Amino acid sequence: MKKKVVVVMPAYNASKTVEKTYNDINKEAVDDILLVDDGSYDDTIEKAKKLGIKVIAHHKNMGYGANSKTCYTEALKIGADIIVALHPDYQYSPRHLDKMVELLKKGEADVVLASRILGGGAFQGGMPIYKYLGNLLLNFRPYAKF
């Protein structure tokens, strides 16, 4: 049975990066893309619609938790079997999304998490230094093998 893959993009003021994020998604690996805008004051909604992305908008900023809840609820409403959360700020590269989805489709994983720092592109994606250092500290594993 084919599993329906829905990419959800929790967005807030992502107009500068939403197009690059969208363009780097392997469209053959996903069935639907949904952006939930959390009260942005830039033109994120207009850019996403122009790209053909389905958009749901919060009329005011409700915070990341509420945005995520809307993302997952709406993905389930359209029949998602696999939901991929992809931030449109390009701090996570969408170029490996198809490999991650394949692990889920094959049942080799129940959850797959990406890293903003392992690929070395966190700063290019706009990650502030304090978040980078926090990620390093929280993910430090002296004996881990990557």
Protein backbone atom coordinates (compact mmCIF):
# COMPACT_ATOMS: atom_id res chain seq x y z
CA MET A 1 0.00 0.00 0.00
CA LYS A 2 1.38 3.40 -1.01
CA LYS A 3 1.88 5.74 1.91
CA LYS A 4 0.90 9.38 1.49
CA VAL A 5 3.75 11.76 2.34
CA VAL A 6 2.91 15.32 3.35
CA VAL A 7 5.54 17.97 3.97
CA VAL A 8 4.41 20.61 6.46
CA MET A 9 6.22 23.91 6.71
CA PRO A 10 5.63 25.90 9.91
CA ALA A 11 6.39 29.43 8.72
CA TYR A 12 6.95 32.81 10.26
CA ASN A 13 8.42 35.58 8.13
CA ALA A 14 10.04 33.12 5.73
CA SER A 15 9.56 35.01 2.47
CA LYS A 16 13.32 35.22 1.80
CA THR A 17 13.87 31.45 1.99
CA VAL A 18 10.57 29.71 1.21
CA GLU A 19 11.25 29.53 -2.53
CA LYS A 20 14.73 28.01 -2.11
CA THR A 21 13.34 25.50 0.39
CA TYR A 22 10.49 24.55 -1.92
CA ASN A 23 12.72 24.26 -4.98
CA ASP A 24 15.07 21.84 -3.21
CA ILE A 25 12.30 19.41 -2.25
CA ASN A 26 12.26 16.28 -4.41
CA LYS A 27 8.63 16.51 -5.53
CA GLU A 28 8.66 12.82 -6.55
CA ALA A 29 9.20 11.86 -2.90
CA VAL A 30 6.15 13.73 -1.56
CA ASP A 31 2.45 13.88 -2.32
CA ASP A 32 1.51 17.24 -0.79
CA ILE A 33 3.20 20.32 0.62
CA LEU A 34 1.41 22.49 3.16
CA LEU A 35 2.64 25.75 4.66
CA VAL A 36 1.11 27.09 7.87
CA ASP A 37 1.88 30.77 8.28
CA ASP A 38 1.90 31.99 11.87
CA GLY A 39 0.95 35.63 11.45
CA SER A 40 3.90 36.72 9.31
CA TYR A 41 4.18 40.41 8.52
CA ASP A 42 6.17 39.82 5.33
CA ASP A 43 4.95 38.31 2.05
CA THR A 44 5.48 34.63 2.97
CA ILE A 45 1.87 33.75 2.13
CA GLU A 46 1.95 35.39 -1.29
CA LYS A 47 5.27 33.76 -2.22
CA ALA A 48 4.09 30.32 -1.08
CA LYS A 49 0.83 30.61 -3.03
CA LYS A 50 2.73 31.73 -6.14
CA LEU A 51 4.80 28.54 -5.86
CA GLY A 52 1.63 26.45 -5.71
CA ILE A 53 1.98 25.52 -2.05
CA LYS A 54 -1.22 24.96 -0.10
CA VAL A 55 -1.38 27.65 2.59
CA ILE A 56 -3.18 27.93 5.90
CA ALA A 57 -2.78 31.21 7.77
CA HIS A 58 -3.05 32.08 11.43
CA HIS A 59 -4.33 35.65 11.53
CA LYS A 60 -2.03 36.42 14.45
CA ASN A 61 1.18 34.89 15.74
CA MET A 62 0.23 31.99 18.01
CA GLY A 63 3.72 30.58 18.58
CA TYR A 64 5.63 27.59 17.31
CA GLY A 65 3.63 25.01 19.28
CA ALA A 66 0.28 26.16 17.89
CA ASN A 67 1.76 26.36 14.41
CA SER A 68 3.07 22.80 14.67
CA LYS A 69 -0.28 21.56 15.96
CA THR A 70 -2.04 23.13 12.96
CA CYS A 71 0.54 21.60 10.60
CA TYR A 72 0.01 18.07 11.90
CA THR A 73 -3.76 18.37 12.25
CA GLU A 74 -4.17 19.61 8.68
CA ALA A 75 -1.78 16.98 7.30
CA LEU A 76 -3.83 14.25 8.96
CA LYS A 77 -7.04 15.78 7.56
CA ILE A 78 -5.73 15.30 4.02
CA GLY A 79 -4.78 11.69 4.70
CA ALA A 80 -1.07 11.82 5.55
CA ASP A 81 0.57 8.54 6.49
CA ILE A 82 3.99 10.15 6.82
CA ILE A 83 4.43 13.77 7.89
CA VAL A 84 7.68 15.62 7.35
CA ALA A 85 8.18 18.91 9.20
CA LEU A 86 10.46 21.12 7.14
CA HIS A 87 11.17 24.66 8.23
CA PRO A 88 11.10 27.06 5.30
CA ASP A 89 13.97 29.08 6.77
CA TYR A 90 16.42 26.66 5.10
CA GLN A 91 18.25 25.87 8.33
CA TYR A 92 17.47 22.24 7.43
CA SER A 93 18.31 21.26 3.89
CA PRO A 94 15.45 19.52 2.09
CA ARG A 95 17.91 17.75 -0.22
CA HIS A 96 17.96 14.58 1.92
CA LEU A 97 14.22 14.44 2.53
CA ASP A 98 13.68 11.55 0.09
CA LYS A 99 16.25 9.37 1.92
CA MET A 100 14.62 10.11 5.26
CA VAL A 101 11.15 9.32 3.94
CA GLU A 102 12.39 6.04 2.50
CA LEU A 103 13.45 4.87 5.98
CA LEU A 104 9.91 5.52 7.20
CA LYS A 105 8.24 3.87 4.21
CA LYS A 106 10.33 0.72 4.66
CA GLY A 107 9.53 0.59 8.36
CA GLU A 108 13.21 0.90 9.29
CA ALA A 109 12.40 3.87 11.53
CA ASP A 110 9.38 5.29 13.32
CA VAL A 111 10.85 8.79 13.54
CA VAL A 112 13.67 10.45 11.63
CA LEU A 113 15.22 13.68 12.91
CA ALA A 114 17.51 15.96 10.98
CA SER A 115 20.41 17.94 12.35
CA ARG A 116 20.93 21.62 11.68
CA ILE A 117 24.62 21.38 12.45
CA LEU A 118 25.97 18.05 11.16
CA GLY A 119 25.88 19.10 7.51
CA GLY A 120 27.78 22.28 8.21
CA GLY A 121 25.17 24.61 6.73
CA ALA A 122 23.60 26.05 9.86
CA PHE A 123 25.23 29.46 9.54
CA GLN A 124 24.46 29.69 5.83
CA GLY A 125 20.83 28.98 6.74
CA GLY A 126 20.84 31.86 9.19
CA MET A 127 21.22 30.02 12.52
CA PRO A 128 22.35 32.46 15.22
CA ILE A 129 25.59 31.60 17.03
CA TYR A 130 23.83 31.12 20.39
CA LYS A 131 21.54 28.46 18.91
CA TYR A 132 24.47 26.76 17.21
CA LEU A 133 26.42 26.59 20.47
CA GLY A 134 23.31 25.41 22.33
CA ASN A 135 22.79 22.62 19.77
CA LEU A 136 26.42 21.55 20.12
CA LEU A 137 26.16 21.45 23.89
CA LEU A 138 22.82 19.62 24.01
CA ASN A 139 23.92 17.05 21.43
CA PHE A 140 27.43 16.43 22.75
CA ARG A 141 28.13 12.72 22.93
CA PRO A 142 31.81 12.10 23.74
CA TYR A 143 31.66 8.42 22.78
CA ALA A 144 29.14 8.56 19.95
CA LYS A 145 30.07 7.28 16.50
CA PHE A 146 28.46 9.20 13.67
